[in-house]
N, C-alpha and C. Protein backbone atom coordinates (compact mmCIF):
# COMPACT_ATOMS: atom_id res chain seq x y z
N MET A 1 -0.27 -52.27 -34.09
CA MET A 1 1.00 -51.59 -34.17
C MET A 1 0.85 -50.20 -34.78
N ARG A 2 -0.07 -50.09 -35.73
CA ARG A 2 -0.29 -48.81 -36.38
C ARG A 2 -0.81 -47.79 -35.38
N HIS A 3 -1.67 -48.20 -34.44
CA HIS A 3 -2.20 -47.28 -33.42
C HIS A 3 -1.09 -46.78 -32.51
N LEU A 4 -0.14 -47.65 -32.22
CA LEU A 4 0.98 -47.25 -31.39
C LEU A 4 1.83 -46.20 -32.10
N ARG A 5 2.06 -46.39 -33.43
CA ARG A 5 2.82 -45.40 -34.19
C ARG A 5 2.08 -44.07 -34.22
N LEU A 6 0.76 -44.08 -34.42
CA LEU A 6 -0.02 -42.85 -34.44
C LEU A 6 0.05 -42.14 -33.08
N ALA A 7 0.03 -42.92 -32.00
CA ALA A 7 0.12 -42.34 -30.67
C ALA A 7 1.48 -41.69 -30.45
N VAL A 8 2.53 -42.33 -30.91
CA VAL A 8 3.87 -41.77 -30.76
C VAL A 8 4.01 -40.50 -31.59
N VAL A 9 3.48 -40.51 -32.81
CA VAL A 9 3.54 -39.31 -33.67
C VAL A 9 2.73 -38.18 -33.04
N ALA A 10 1.55 -38.50 -32.50
CA ALA A 10 0.72 -37.47 -31.87
C ALA A 10 1.44 -36.89 -30.65
N LEU A 11 2.08 -37.74 -29.87
CA LEU A 11 2.82 -37.27 -28.71
C LEU A 11 3.99 -36.38 -29.12
N ALA A 12 4.70 -36.78 -30.17
CA ALA A 12 5.82 -35.98 -30.66
C ALA A 12 5.35 -34.63 -31.15
N LEU A 13 4.23 -34.60 -31.89
CA LEU A 13 3.68 -33.33 -32.37
C LEU A 13 3.24 -32.44 -31.19
N ALA A 14 2.64 -33.06 -30.20
CA ALA A 14 2.21 -32.29 -29.03
C ALA A 14 3.40 -31.67 -28.31
N MET A 15 4.49 -32.41 -28.24
CA MET A 15 5.69 -31.88 -27.58
C MET A 15 6.31 -30.75 -28.38
N LEU A 16 6.17 -30.79 -29.71
CA LEU A 16 6.71 -29.71 -30.54
C LEU A 16 5.83 -28.47 -30.48
N VAL A 17 4.53 -28.66 -30.42
CA VAL A 17 3.59 -27.54 -30.44
C VAL A 17 3.48 -26.89 -29.07
N ALA A 18 3.63 -27.64 -27.99
CA ALA A 18 3.41 -27.12 -26.64
C ALA A 18 4.28 -25.90 -26.32
N PRO A 19 5.60 -25.90 -26.61
CA PRO A 19 6.39 -24.71 -26.28
C PRO A 19 5.93 -23.47 -27.03
N ALA A 20 5.51 -23.62 -28.29
CA ALA A 20 5.03 -22.47 -29.06
C ALA A 20 3.73 -21.95 -28.47
N ALA A 21 2.87 -22.85 -28.03
CA ALA A 21 1.60 -22.43 -27.44
C ALA A 21 1.85 -21.71 -26.11
N ARG A 22 2.80 -22.20 -25.32
CA ARG A 22 3.11 -21.54 -24.06
C ARG A 22 3.74 -20.17 -24.27
N ALA A 23 4.46 -19.98 -25.36
CA ALA A 23 5.10 -18.68 -25.63
C ALA A 23 4.06 -17.61 -25.89
N ASN A 24 2.89 -17.98 -26.43
CA ASN A 24 1.84 -17.00 -26.73
C ASN A 24 0.92 -16.75 -25.54
N THR A 25 1.06 -17.51 -24.48
CA THR A 25 0.21 -17.35 -23.31
C THR A 25 0.76 -16.22 -22.45
N PRO A 26 -0.10 -15.31 -21.98
CA PRO A 26 0.41 -14.24 -21.12
C PRO A 26 0.97 -14.82 -19.83
N GLN A 27 2.13 -14.34 -19.46
CA GLN A 27 2.79 -14.81 -18.25
C GLN A 27 2.40 -13.91 -17.08
N PRO A 28 2.29 -14.47 -15.87
CA PRO A 28 1.97 -13.62 -14.72
C PRO A 28 3.13 -12.66 -14.43
N ALA A 29 2.78 -11.57 -13.75
CA ALA A 29 3.80 -10.58 -13.39
C ALA A 29 4.84 -11.23 -12.49
N ALA A 30 6.05 -10.73 -12.58
CA ALA A 30 7.13 -11.26 -11.74
C ALA A 30 6.78 -11.02 -10.27
N PRO A 31 6.97 -12.00 -9.42
CA PRO A 31 6.60 -11.81 -8.02
C PRO A 31 7.49 -10.78 -7.34
N LEU A 32 6.92 -10.10 -6.37
CA LEU A 32 7.68 -9.19 -5.54
C LEU A 32 8.58 -10.00 -4.62
N PRO A 33 9.56 -9.38 -3.98
CA PRO A 33 10.46 -10.14 -3.12
C PRO A 33 9.73 -10.95 -2.05
N CYS A 34 8.57 -10.47 -1.62
CA CYS A 34 7.84 -11.19 -0.57
C CYS A 34 7.04 -12.36 -1.15
N GLY A 35 7.04 -12.54 -2.46
CA GLY A 35 6.36 -13.67 -3.07
C GLY A 35 4.97 -13.35 -3.59
N VAL A 36 4.48 -12.15 -3.38
CA VAL A 36 3.16 -11.77 -3.88
C VAL A 36 3.33 -11.34 -5.33
N PRO A 37 2.52 -11.88 -6.27
CA PRO A 37 2.73 -11.54 -7.68
C PRO A 37 2.44 -10.08 -8.01
N PHE A 38 1.59 -9.40 -7.25
CA PHE A 38 1.32 -7.98 -7.47
C PHE A 38 0.78 -7.43 -6.15
N PRO A 39 0.89 -6.11 -5.95
CA PRO A 39 0.40 -5.55 -4.70
C PRO A 39 -1.10 -5.78 -4.54
N VAL A 40 -1.47 -6.35 -3.43
CA VAL A 40 -2.86 -6.64 -3.14
C VAL A 40 -3.30 -5.73 -2.00
N PRO A 41 -4.38 -4.97 -2.19
CA PRO A 41 -4.83 -4.12 -1.10
C PRO A 41 -5.34 -4.97 0.06
N PRO A 42 -5.18 -4.49 1.28
CA PRO A 42 -5.68 -5.26 2.41
C PRO A 42 -7.20 -5.31 2.41
N PRO A 43 -7.79 -6.27 3.10
CA PRO A 43 -9.25 -6.34 3.15
C PRO A 43 -9.83 -5.15 3.91
N GLN A 44 -11.11 -4.89 3.69
CA GLN A 44 -11.78 -3.76 4.33
C GLN A 44 -11.70 -3.83 5.85
N ASP A 45 -11.71 -5.04 6.40
CA ASP A 45 -11.62 -5.19 7.85
C ASP A 45 -10.35 -4.53 8.40
N THR A 46 -9.27 -4.59 7.66
CA THR A 46 -8.02 -3.97 8.09
C THR A 46 -8.19 -2.46 8.22
N PHE A 47 -8.82 -1.85 7.21
CA PHE A 47 -9.07 -0.40 7.27
C PHE A 47 -9.99 -0.05 8.43
N ASP A 48 -11.00 -0.89 8.67
CA ASP A 48 -11.93 -0.64 9.77
C ASP A 48 -11.21 -0.70 11.12
N ILE A 49 -10.32 -1.68 11.27
CA ILE A 49 -9.58 -1.82 12.53
C ILE A 49 -8.66 -0.62 12.73
N LEU A 50 -7.95 -0.21 11.67
CA LEU A 50 -7.05 0.95 11.78
C LEU A 50 -7.82 2.23 12.09
N THR A 51 -9.00 2.38 11.50
CA THR A 51 -9.83 3.55 11.78
C THR A 51 -10.29 3.54 13.23
N ALA A 52 -10.68 2.37 13.72
CA ALA A 52 -11.11 2.27 15.12
C ALA A 52 -9.96 2.58 16.07
N ILE A 53 -8.76 2.08 15.76
CA ILE A 53 -7.59 2.38 16.59
C ILE A 53 -7.32 3.87 16.58
N ASN A 54 -7.38 4.48 15.40
CA ASN A 54 -7.15 5.92 15.29
C ASN A 54 -8.17 6.68 16.12
N ASN A 55 -9.45 6.33 15.99
CA ASN A 55 -10.49 7.08 16.69
C ASN A 55 -10.45 6.85 18.19
N CYS A 56 -10.16 5.63 18.61
CA CYS A 56 -10.20 5.31 20.05
C CYS A 56 -8.92 5.68 20.77
N VAL A 57 -7.79 5.55 20.10
CA VAL A 57 -6.52 5.78 20.78
C VAL A 57 -6.02 7.20 20.54
N PHE A 58 -5.80 7.55 19.27
CA PHE A 58 -5.20 8.84 18.98
C PHE A 58 -6.13 9.99 19.30
N VAL A 59 -7.35 9.94 18.80
CA VAL A 59 -8.27 11.07 18.97
C VAL A 59 -8.62 11.28 20.44
N ASP A 60 -8.83 10.17 21.18
CA ASP A 60 -9.28 10.30 22.56
C ASP A 60 -8.16 10.44 23.58
N HIS A 61 -6.97 9.86 23.29
CA HIS A 61 -5.95 9.82 24.32
C HIS A 61 -4.63 10.50 23.93
N VAL A 62 -4.18 10.34 22.69
CA VAL A 62 -2.87 10.86 22.30
C VAL A 62 -2.96 12.34 21.92
N ASP A 63 -3.90 12.68 21.05
CA ASP A 63 -3.99 14.07 20.58
C ASP A 63 -4.19 15.09 21.70
N PRO A 64 -5.02 14.84 22.72
CA PRO A 64 -5.17 15.83 23.78
C PRO A 64 -3.87 16.11 24.55
N VAL A 65 -2.92 15.17 24.50
CA VAL A 65 -1.65 15.37 25.20
C VAL A 65 -0.60 15.97 24.27
N VAL A 66 -0.52 15.44 23.04
CA VAL A 66 0.55 15.82 22.11
C VAL A 66 0.27 17.17 21.44
N CYS A 67 -0.96 17.40 21.01
CA CYS A 67 -1.25 18.60 20.21
C CYS A 67 -0.99 19.92 20.94
N PRO A 68 -1.33 20.06 22.24
CA PRO A 68 -0.99 21.33 22.90
C PRO A 68 0.52 21.58 22.94
N GLU A 69 1.31 20.53 23.09
CA GLU A 69 2.76 20.69 23.09
C GLU A 69 3.27 21.10 21.70
N LEU A 70 2.68 20.49 20.65
CA LEU A 70 3.07 20.86 19.29
C LEU A 70 2.68 22.31 19.00
N GLN A 71 1.54 22.77 19.53
CA GLN A 71 1.12 24.15 19.31
C GLN A 71 2.12 25.13 19.93
N LEU A 72 2.70 24.72 21.04
CA LEU A 72 3.72 25.58 21.67
C LEU A 72 4.98 25.66 20.82
N LEU A 73 5.25 24.62 20.01
CA LEU A 73 6.45 24.58 19.18
C LEU A 73 6.20 25.06 17.75
N ALA A 74 5.06 25.70 17.50
CA ALA A 74 4.70 26.12 16.14
C ALA A 74 5.79 26.99 15.54
N GLY A 75 6.07 26.72 14.26
CA GLY A 75 7.08 27.48 13.55
C GLY A 75 7.67 26.66 12.41
N THR A 76 8.66 27.24 11.75
CA THR A 76 9.34 26.57 10.65
C THR A 76 10.75 26.21 11.11
N TYR A 77 11.15 25.00 10.78
CA TYR A 77 12.44 24.49 11.22
C TYR A 77 13.25 24.06 10.01
N PRO A 78 14.59 23.91 10.15
CA PRO A 78 15.42 23.48 9.02
C PRO A 78 14.96 22.13 8.46
N GLY A 79 15.18 21.98 7.17
CA GLY A 79 14.82 20.73 6.50
C GLY A 79 13.38 20.70 6.03
N GLY A 80 12.70 21.84 6.06
CA GLY A 80 11.32 21.91 5.58
C GLY A 80 10.29 21.53 6.62
N LEU A 81 10.70 21.21 7.83
CA LEU A 81 9.76 20.84 8.88
C LEU A 81 9.02 22.07 9.34
N SER A 82 7.70 21.97 9.36
CA SER A 82 6.91 23.08 9.89
C SER A 82 5.82 22.53 10.80
N ILE A 83 5.58 23.28 11.86
CA ILE A 83 4.50 22.95 12.80
C ILE A 83 3.55 24.12 12.78
N GLY A 84 2.31 23.84 12.40
CA GLY A 84 1.32 24.90 12.27
C GLY A 84 0.79 25.32 13.63
N PRO A 85 0.06 26.45 13.66
CA PRO A 85 -0.48 26.94 14.93
C PRO A 85 -1.47 25.98 15.57
N ASP A 86 -2.06 25.07 14.76
CA ASP A 86 -2.98 24.07 15.33
C ASP A 86 -2.26 22.79 15.72
N GLY A 87 -0.92 22.72 15.50
CA GLY A 87 -0.14 21.55 15.87
C GLY A 87 0.14 20.59 14.75
N ASP A 88 -0.37 20.87 13.54
CA ASP A 88 -0.10 19.98 12.40
C ASP A 88 1.37 20.03 12.05
N VAL A 89 1.98 18.86 11.83
CA VAL A 89 3.39 18.76 11.49
C VAL A 89 3.50 18.33 10.03
N SER A 90 4.27 19.08 9.23
CA SER A 90 4.47 18.71 7.82
C SER A 90 5.93 18.91 7.45
N LEU A 91 6.33 18.21 6.40
CA LEU A 91 7.73 18.31 5.95
C LEU A 91 7.89 19.16 4.70
N ASP A 92 6.79 19.52 4.06
CA ASP A 92 6.93 20.29 2.82
C ASP A 92 6.94 21.79 3.07
N GLY A 93 6.79 22.23 4.31
CA GLY A 93 6.85 23.64 4.63
C GLY A 93 5.57 24.40 4.34
N SER A 94 4.61 23.76 3.67
CA SER A 94 3.38 24.47 3.31
C SER A 94 2.25 24.21 4.29
N GLY A 95 2.38 23.17 5.09
CA GLY A 95 1.30 22.83 6.01
C GLY A 95 0.29 21.87 5.42
N PHE A 96 0.40 21.63 4.11
CA PHE A 96 -0.51 20.67 3.48
C PHE A 96 0.04 19.26 3.67
N ASN A 97 -0.81 18.27 3.60
CA ASN A 97 -0.43 16.86 3.78
C ASN A 97 0.37 16.66 5.05
N PRO A 98 -0.24 16.94 6.20
CA PRO A 98 0.52 16.85 7.45
C PRO A 98 0.93 15.41 7.77
N LEU A 99 2.12 15.29 8.36
CA LEU A 99 2.57 14.00 8.87
C LEU A 99 1.82 13.66 10.15
N TYR A 100 1.52 14.67 10.92
CA TYR A 100 0.72 14.49 12.13
C TYR A 100 -0.35 15.56 12.11
N ASP A 101 -1.60 15.15 12.29
CA ASP A 101 -2.73 16.06 12.14
C ASP A 101 -3.42 16.22 13.49
N CYS A 102 -3.45 17.45 13.98
CA CYS A 102 -4.15 17.76 15.22
C CYS A 102 -5.52 18.34 14.90
N PRO A 103 -6.45 18.34 15.85
CA PRO A 103 -7.75 18.93 15.58
C PRO A 103 -7.63 20.42 15.32
N PRO A 104 -8.41 21.01 14.48
CA PRO A 104 -9.48 20.39 13.68
C PRO A 104 -8.86 19.55 12.56
N TYR A 105 -9.36 18.34 12.40
CA TYR A 105 -8.78 17.39 11.44
C TYR A 105 -9.13 17.77 10.02
N GLU A 106 -8.12 17.73 9.15
CA GLU A 106 -8.30 18.08 7.73
C GLU A 106 -8.80 16.86 6.98
N GLY A 107 -9.80 17.04 6.13
CA GLY A 107 -10.24 15.99 5.21
C GLY A 107 -11.02 14.88 5.86
N ILE A 108 -11.47 15.04 7.09
CA ILE A 108 -12.29 14.01 7.74
C ILE A 108 -13.69 14.55 7.87
N SER A 109 -14.65 13.79 7.35
CA SER A 109 -16.03 14.27 7.42
C SER A 109 -16.81 13.50 8.46
């Protein structure tokens, strides 16, 4: 009977101590609406696939058609939209950080 009392006392103590121990444990970040606890970068394969799509589709097929037309529309437009003489489209009016980049491509080695 004494062992049963010791077990009950130990269980009661454990129940009292457990909430205090959990309060000192670091909690995970609140999940984002999609259920991911924090932003996780995509795997390298995703970047490789996007690079291949960019090189095979845009560079070879889209840019040769779109960029000459953009070059014809070069100028500054309301709202900060600017199209450079090479066809680069940017919204900041400076030509840096283009939304659409025509050859020669900036920052690609």
